C-alpha atoms as a PDB file:
ATOM      1  CA  MET A   1     -11.869 -25.004 -29.840  1.00  0.00           C
ATOM      2  CA  SER A   2     -13.798 -27.008 -27.327  1.00  0.00           C
ATOM      3  CA  PRO A   3     -13.794 -26.087 -23.715  1.00  0.00           C
ATOM      4  CA  LEU A   4     -11.308 -27.888 -21.319  1.00  0.00           C
ATOM      5  CA  LYS A   5     -13.345 -30.140 -19.220  1.00  0.00           C
ATOM      6  CA  VAL A   6     -12.007 -30.745 -15.642  1.00  0.00           C
ATOM      7  CA  SER A   7     -13.147 -33.481 -13.189  1.00  0.00           C
ATOM      8  CA  SER A   8     -12.447 -33.897  -9.568  1.00  0.00           C
ATOM      9  CA  ARG A   9      -9.662 -36.311 -10.556  1.00  0.00           C
ATOM     10  CA  SER A  10      -7.999 -33.943 -12.908  1.00  0.00           C
ATOM     11  CA  ASN A  11      -4.330 -33.045 -12.292  1.00  0.00           C
ATOM     12  CA  PRO A  12      -4.220 -29.242 -11.709  1.00  0.00           C
ATOM     13  CA  ASN A  13      -0.707 -29.004 -13.056  1.00  0.00           C
ATOM     14  CA  SER A  14      -1.658 -30.741 -16.256  1.00  0.00           C
ATOM     15  CA  VAL A  15      -4.879 -28.551 -16.634  1.00  0.00           C
ATOM     16  CA  ALA A  16      -2.773 -25.435 -16.095  1.00  0.00           C
ATOM     17  CA  GLY A  17      -0.333 -26.337 -18.823  1.00  0.00           C
ATOM     18  CA  ALA A  18      -3.208 -26.942 -21.187  1.00  0.00           C
ATOM     19  CA  LEU A  19      -4.843 -23.736 -20.129  1.00  0.00           C
ATOM     20  CA  VAL A  20      -1.772 -21.816 -20.945  1.00  0.00           C
ATOM     21  CA  ALA A  21      -1.275 -23.460 -24.197  1.00  0.00           C
ATOM     22  CA  VAL A  22      -4.887 -22.681 -25.384  1.00  0.00           C
ATOM     23  CA  ILE A  23      -4.533 -19.025 -24.118  1.00  0.00           C
ATOM     24  CA  ARG A  24      -1.331 -18.645 -26.186  1.00  0.00           C
ATOM     25  CA  GLU A  25      -2.947 -19.980 -29.232  1.00  0.00           C
ATOM     26  CA  GLN A  26      -6.382 -18.239 -28.996  1.00  0.00           C
ATOM     27  CA  GLY A  27      -5.991 -15.432 -26.441  1.00  0.00           C
ATOM     28  CA  TYR A  28      -8.670 -17.021 -24.161  1.00  0.00           C
ATOM     29  CA  ALA A  29      -9.861 -20.314 -22.935  1.00  0.00           C
ATOM     30  CA  GLU A  30     -12.992 -21.857 -21.369  1.00  0.00           C
ATOM     31  CA  ILE A  31     -13.071 -24.470 -18.680  1.00  0.00           C
ATOM     32  CA  GLN A  32     -16.217 -26.634 -17.691  1.00  0.00           C
ATOM     33  CA  ALA A  33     -16.632 -28.210 -14.393  1.00  0.00           C
ATOM     34  CA  VAL A  34     -19.550 -30.065 -12.854  1.00  0.00           C
ATOM     35  CA  GLY A  35     -19.647 -30.346  -9.077  1.00  0.00           C
ATOM     36  CA  ALA A  36     -17.611 -28.933  -6.157  1.00  0.00           C
ATOM     37  CA  GLY A  37     -14.557 -31.243  -6.614  1.00  0.00           C
ATOM     38  CA  ALA A  38     -14.149 -30.407 -10.409  1.00  0.00           C
ATOM     39  CA  LEU A  39     -14.558 -26.669  -9.607  1.00  0.00           C
ATOM     40  CA  ASN A  40     -11.833 -27.032  -6.912  1.00  0.00           C
ATOM     41  CA  GLN A  41      -9.425 -28.535  -9.351  1.00  0.00           C
ATOM     42  CA  ALA A  42     -10.211 -25.961 -11.974  1.00  0.00           C
ATOM     43  CA  ILE A  43      -9.578 -23.076  -9.576  1.00  0.00           C
ATOM     44  CA  LYS A  44      -6.305 -24.679  -8.534  1.00  0.00           C
ATOM     45  CA  ALA A  45      -5.254 -24.922 -12.213  1.00  0.00           C
ATOM     46  CA  ILE A  46      -6.036 -21.282 -12.838  1.00  0.00           C
ATOM     47  CA  ALA A  47      -3.980 -20.375  -9.909  1.00  0.00           C
ATOM     48  CA  ILE A  48      -1.005 -22.405 -11.077  1.00  0.00           C
ATOM     49  CA  ALA A  49      -1.436 -21.021 -14.707  1.00  0.00           C
ATOM     50  CA  ARG A  50      -1.245 -17.531 -13.285  1.00  0.00           C
ATOM     51  CA  GLY A  51       2.270 -18.309 -12.007  1.00  0.00           C
ATOM     52  CA  PHE A  52       3.160 -19.677 -15.463  1.00  0.00           C
ATOM     53  CA  VAL A  53       2.318 -16.434 -17.303  1.00  0.00           C
ATOM     54  CA  ALA A  54       3.486 -14.011 -14.466  1.00  0.00           C
ATOM     55  CA  PRO A  55       7.374 -14.046 -15.485  1.00  0.00           C
ATOM     56  CA  SER A  56       6.389 -12.498 -18.957  1.00  0.00           C
ATOM     57  CA  GLY A  57       4.454  -9.719 -17.360  1.00  0.00           C
ATOM     58  CA  GLY A  58       1.052 -11.198 -17.793  1.00  0.00           C
ATOM     59  CA  ASP A  59      -1.836 -12.095 -15.677  1.00  0.00           C
ATOM     60  CA  LEU A  60      -5.045 -14.068 -16.067  1.00  0.00           C
ATOM     61  CA  VAL A  61      -8.557 -12.979 -15.430  1.00  0.00           C
ATOM     62  CA  CYS A  62     -11.598 -15.263 -14.848  1.00  0.00           C
ATOM     63  CA  ALA A  63     -15.269 -14.774 -15.303  1.00  0.00           C
ATOM     64  CA  PRO A  64     -17.643 -17.682 -14.065  1.00  0.00           C
ATOM     65  CA  ALA A  65     -20.866 -18.433 -15.659  1.00  0.00           C
ATOM     66  CA  PHE A  66     -23.400 -21.245 -15.842  1.00  0.00           C
ATOM     67  CA  THR A  67     -23.991 -23.433 -18.837  1.00  0.00           C
ATOM     68  CA  ASP A  68     -26.247 -26.365 -19.602  1.00  0.00           C
ATOM     69  CA  ILE A  69     -24.588 -29.423 -20.818  1.00  0.00           C
ATOM     70  CA  GLU A  70     -25.457 -33.030 -21.606  1.00  0.00           C
ATOM     71  CA  ILE A  71     -23.742 -35.912 -19.830  1.00  0.00           C
ATOM     72  CA  ASN A  72     -24.757 -39.562 -20.927  1.00  0.00           C
ATOM     73  CA  GLY A  73     -28.090 -38.277 -22.271  1.00  0.00           C
ATOM     74  CA  GLU A  74     -28.927 -36.378 -19.118  1.00  0.00           C
ATOM     75  CA  GLY A  75     -29.031 -32.516 -18.794  1.00  0.00           C
ATOM     76  CA  ARG A  76     -26.846 -30.972 -16.266  1.00  0.00           C
ATOM     77  CA  THR A  77     -25.795 -27.593 -15.197  1.00  0.00           C
ATOM     78  CA  ALA A  78     -22.024 -26.808 -15.385  1.00  0.00           C
ATOM     79  CA  LEU A  79     -19.738 -24.023 -14.329  1.00  0.00           C
ATOM     80  CA  LYS A  80     -18.087 -22.297 -17.135  1.00  0.00           C
ATOM     81  CA  LEU A  81     -14.991 -20.341 -16.384  1.00  0.00           C
ATOM     82  CA  LEU A  82     -13.932 -17.893 -19.231  1.00  0.00           C
ATOM     83  CA  ILE A  83     -10.155 -17.011 -18.953  1.00  0.00           C
ATOM     84  CA  GLU A  84      -8.232 -14.409 -20.622  1.00  0.00           C
ATOM     85  CA  ARG A  85      -4.736 -13.124 -20.518  1.00  0.00           C
ATOM     86  CA  LYS A  86      -4.016  -9.480 -19.670  1.00  0.00           C
ATOM     87  CA  GLU A  87      -0.885  -7.517 -19.284  1.00  0.00           C
ATOM     88  CA  ARG A  88       0.202  -6.299 -15.879  1.00  0.00           C
ATOM     89  CA  LYS A  89       0.576  -2.478 -15.484  1.00  0.00           C
END
């Protein structure tokens, strides 16, 4: 599955719902964000998604990385957030 792409105008609640759906289907998800505003919305979405999986005894872990992408034919560096579910102990 392709990564979830988040912009500064993305709704964190919507992204959180999509994030949890992808994680339930695949066991992991990837979010791409370019810029501070987009990263802010992505982090909010991950925090909201943690609340969605908590009642079933789960939690989410996030590992950030850089990736090179192309937007309108121009090379850019994006932040890639790799998110996995883990069970709480």
